[in-house]
Amino acid sequence: MPNVFFTSDSHFNHSKIINYCDRPFNDVCEMNSVMVEKWNSVINREDIVWHLGDFVFARKEYEVEEATNILNGKINLITGDHDKFIEKHLKQCLRYFNSITENY
């Protein structure tokens, strides 16, 4: 039986979030790497994840694909204000998530 997890505000690939939120990382590569490691140490492949906004700061589809391909779990995204690329390219990005719900 899969576990169900809730999270939000990962902000993968968002370099400025390090300063905005005083995150303890030197750069976005370090931040992404540590967050992926911690995520995958808790969440298994079959687990269900509800991500409640601001998943990835993306400008290109491959950035969404890269973030989701290395994370365990079946991710259901409720978009946040920094998920604009995903909302704009909903049809293409849906393949990377279990579901996407736009937050109006």
C-alpha atoms as a PDB file:
ATOM      1  CA  MET A   1       0.000   0.000   0.000  1.00  0.00           C
ATOM      2  CA  PRO A   2       1.529   3.337  -1.011  1.00  0.00           C
ATOM      3  CA  ASN A   3       2.041   6.164   1.439  1.00  0.00           C
ATOM      4  CA  VAL A   4       0.578   9.596   0.727  1.00  0.00           C
ATOM      5  CA  PHE A   5       2.695  12.726   1.192  1.00  0.00           C
ATOM      6  CA  PHE A   6       1.925  16.446   1.026  1.00  0.00           C
ATOM      7  CA  THR A   7       4.528  19.111   0.339  1.00  0.00           C
ATOM      8  CA  SER A   8       4.883  22.507  -1.281  1.00  0.00           C
ATOM      9  CA  ASP A   9       7.303  25.229  -2.303  1.00  0.00           C
ATOM     10  CA  SER A  10      10.216  23.095  -3.426  1.00  0.00           C
ATOM     11  CA  HIS A  11      11.116  25.715  -6.059  1.00  0.00           C
ATOM     12  CA  PHE A  12      13.448  23.389  -7.970  1.00  0.00           C
ATOM     13  CA  ASN A  13      15.752  25.402 -10.285  1.00  0.00           C
ATOM     14  CA  HIS A  14      14.871  28.714  -8.623  1.00  0.00           C
ATOM     15  CA  SER A  15      18.229  30.253  -7.720  1.00  0.00           C
ATOM     16  CA  LYS A  16      16.778  33.400  -6.137  1.00  0.00           C
ATOM     17  CA  ILE A  17      14.711  31.387  -3.644  1.00  0.00           C
ATOM     18  CA  ILE A  18      17.968  30.589  -1.831  1.00  0.00           C
ATOM     19  CA  ASN A  19      18.272  34.232  -0.750  1.00  0.00           C
ATOM     20  CA  TYR A  20      14.535  34.962  -0.535  1.00  0.00           C
ATOM     21  CA  CYS A  21      13.987  32.156   1.967  1.00  0.00           C
ATOM     22  CA  ASP A  22      17.469  31.989   3.476  1.00  0.00           C
ATOM     23  CA  ARG A  23      17.989  28.416   2.301  1.00  0.00           C
ATOM     24  CA  PRO A  24      21.349  26.917   3.366  1.00  0.00           C
ATOM     25  CA  PHE A  25      22.774  26.296  -0.116  1.00  0.00           C
ATOM     26  CA  ASN A  26      25.603  27.839  -2.137  1.00  0.00           C
ATOM     27  CA  ASP A  27      23.822  27.530  -5.484  1.00  0.00           C
ATOM     28  CA  VAL A  28      20.808  26.042  -7.238  1.00  0.00           C
ATOM     29  CA  CYS A  29      22.658  22.850  -8.216  1.00  0.00           C
ATOM     30  CA  GLU A  30      23.456  22.090  -4.595  1.00  0.00           C
ATOM     31  CA  MET A  31      19.891  22.930  -3.548  1.00  0.00           C
ATOM     32  CA  ASN A  32      18.342  20.673  -6.200  1.00  0.00           C
ATOM     33  CA  SER A  33      20.711  17.829  -5.389  1.00  0.00           C
ATOM     34  CA  VAL A  34      20.057  17.912  -1.644  1.00  0.00           C
ATOM     35  CA  MET A  35      16.291  18.221  -2.093  1.00  0.00           C
ATOM     36  CA  VAL A  36      16.210  15.251  -4.498  1.00  0.00           C
ATOM     37  CA  GLU A  37      18.320  13.159  -2.140  1.00  0.00           C
ATOM     38  CA  LYS A  38      16.073  13.947   0.847  1.00  0.00           C
ATOM     39  CA  TRP A  39      12.863  13.449  -1.183  1.00  0.00           C
ATOM     40  CA  ASN A  40      13.959  10.055  -2.504  1.00  0.00           C
ATOM     41  CA  SER A  41      15.171   8.902   0.914  1.00  0.00           C
ATOM     42  CA  VAL A  42      11.590   9.199   2.222  1.00  0.00           C
ATOM     43  CA  ILE A  43       9.342   8.676  -0.802  1.00  0.00           C
ATOM     44  CA  ASN A  44       9.210   5.369  -2.685  1.00  0.00           C
ATOM     45  CA  ARG A  45       8.386   4.888  -6.376  1.00  0.00           C
ATOM     46  CA  GLU A  46       4.771   3.853  -5.710  1.00  0.00           C
ATOM     47  CA  ASP A  47       4.011   6.518  -3.084  1.00  0.00           C
ATOM     48  CA  ILE A  48       1.585   9.319  -3.890  1.00  0.00           C
ATOM     49  CA  VAL A  49       2.753  12.917  -3.532  1.00  0.00           C
ATOM     50  CA  TRP A  50       0.506  15.971  -3.505  1.00  0.00           C
ATOM     51  CA  HIS A  51       2.640  19.004  -4.274  1.00  0.00           C
ATOM     52  CA  LEU A  52       0.719  22.120  -3.284  1.00  0.00           C
ATOM     53  CA  GLY A  53       2.380  24.703  -5.490  1.00  0.00           C
ATOM     54  CA  ASP A  54       5.699  26.160  -6.615  1.00  0.00           C
ATOM     55  CA  PHE A  55       7.225  22.884  -7.731  1.00  0.00           C
ATOM     56  CA  VAL A  56       9.769  24.081 -10.291  1.00  0.00           C
ATOM     57  CA  PHE A  57      10.878  27.402 -11.681  1.00  0.00           C
ATOM     58  CA  ALA A  58      11.050  26.398 -15.351  1.00  0.00           C
ATOM     59  CA  ARG A  59      11.508  28.215 -18.633  1.00  0.00           C
ATOM     60  CA  LYS A  60      11.755  25.084 -20.786  1.00  0.00           C
ATOM     61  CA  GLU A  61       9.926  21.765 -20.801  1.00  0.00           C
ATOM     62  CA  TYR A  62      13.107  19.761 -20.233  1.00  0.00           C
ATOM     63  CA  GLU A  63      13.477  21.464 -16.819  1.00  0.00           C
ATOM     64  CA  VAL A  64      10.115  20.059 -15.756  1.00  0.00           C
ATOM     65  CA  GLU A  65      11.029  16.652 -17.158  1.00  0.00           C
ATOM     66  CA  GLU A  66      14.420  16.608 -15.410  1.00  0.00           C
ATOM     67  CA  ALA A  67      12.891  17.477 -12.050  1.00  0.00           C
ATOM     68  CA  THR A  68      10.135  14.878 -12.214  1.00  0.00           C
ATOM     69  CA  ASN A  69      12.218  12.054 -13.699  1.00  0.00           C
ATOM     70  CA  ILE A  70      14.608  11.910 -10.760  1.00  0.00           C
ATOM     71  CA  LEU A  71      11.982  12.096  -8.019  1.00  0.00           C
ATOM     72  CA  ASN A  72      10.251   9.074  -6.557  1.00  0.00           C
ATOM     73  CA  GLY A  73       6.505   8.926  -6.252  1.00  0.00           C
ATOM     74  CA  LYS A  74       3.483   9.710  -8.359  1.00  0.00           C
ATOM     75  CA  ILE A  75       3.275  13.487  -8.190  1.00  0.00           C
ATOM     76  CA  ASN A  76      -0.041  15.320  -8.246  1.00  0.00           C
ATOM     77  CA  LEU A  77       0.583  19.034  -8.689  1.00  0.00           C
ATOM     78  CA  ILE A  78      -1.643  21.890  -7.663  1.00  0.00           C
ATOM     79  CA  THR A  79       0.078  24.787  -9.378  1.00  0.00           C
ATOM     80  CA  GLY A  80       1.421  27.798  -7.540  1.00  0.00           C
ATOM     81  CA  ASP A  81       2.404  31.257  -8.721  1.00  0.00           C
ATOM     82  CA  HIS A  82       5.884  30.059  -9.769  1.00  0.00           C
ATOM     83  CA  ASP A  83       4.503  27.201 -11.870  1.00  0.00           C
ATOM     84  CA  LYS A  84       3.573  29.523 -14.752  1.00  0.00           C
ATOM     85  CA  PHE A  85       5.465  27.509 -17.369  1.00  0.00           C
ATOM     86  CA  ILE A  86       3.571  24.363 -16.399  1.00  0.00           C
ATOM     87  CA  GLU A  87       0.237  26.179 -16.553  1.00  0.00           C
ATOM     88  CA  LYS A  88       1.091  27.711 -19.930  1.00  0.00           C
ATOM     89  CA  HIS A  89       2.165  24.332 -21.356  1.00  0.00           C
ATOM     90  CA  LEU A  90      -0.305  22.146 -19.489  1.00  0.00           C
ATOM     91  CA  LYS A  91      -0.796  19.507 -22.193  1.00  0.00           C
ATOM     92  CA  GLN A  92       2.936  18.904 -22.623  1.00  0.00           C
ATOM     93  CA  CYS A  93       3.684  18.938 -18.896  1.00  0.00           C
ATOM     94  CA  LEU A  94       0.858  16.608 -17.898  1.00  0.00           C
ATOM     95  CA  ARG A  95       2.973  13.635 -19.013  1.00  0.00           C
ATOM     96  CA  TYR A  96       5.391  14.345 -16.141  1.00  0.00           C
ATOM     97  CA  PHE A  97       2.774  14.285 -13.375  1.00  0.00           C
ATOM     98  CA  ASN A  98       0.071  11.961 -12.161  1.00  0.00           C
ATOM     99  CA  SER A  99      -2.258  14.982 -12.341  1.00  0.00           C
ATOM    100  CA  ILE A 100      -2.119  18.770 -12.560  1.00  0.00           C
ATOM    101  CA  THR A 101      -4.741  21.053 -11.058  1.00  0.00           C
ATOM    102  CA  GLU A 102      -4.504  24.746 -11.806  1.00  0.00           C
ATOM    103  CA  ASN A 103      -4.756  26.976  -8.750  1.00  0.00           C
ATOM    104  CA  TYR A 104      -7.028  29.854  -9.668  1.00  0.00           C
END
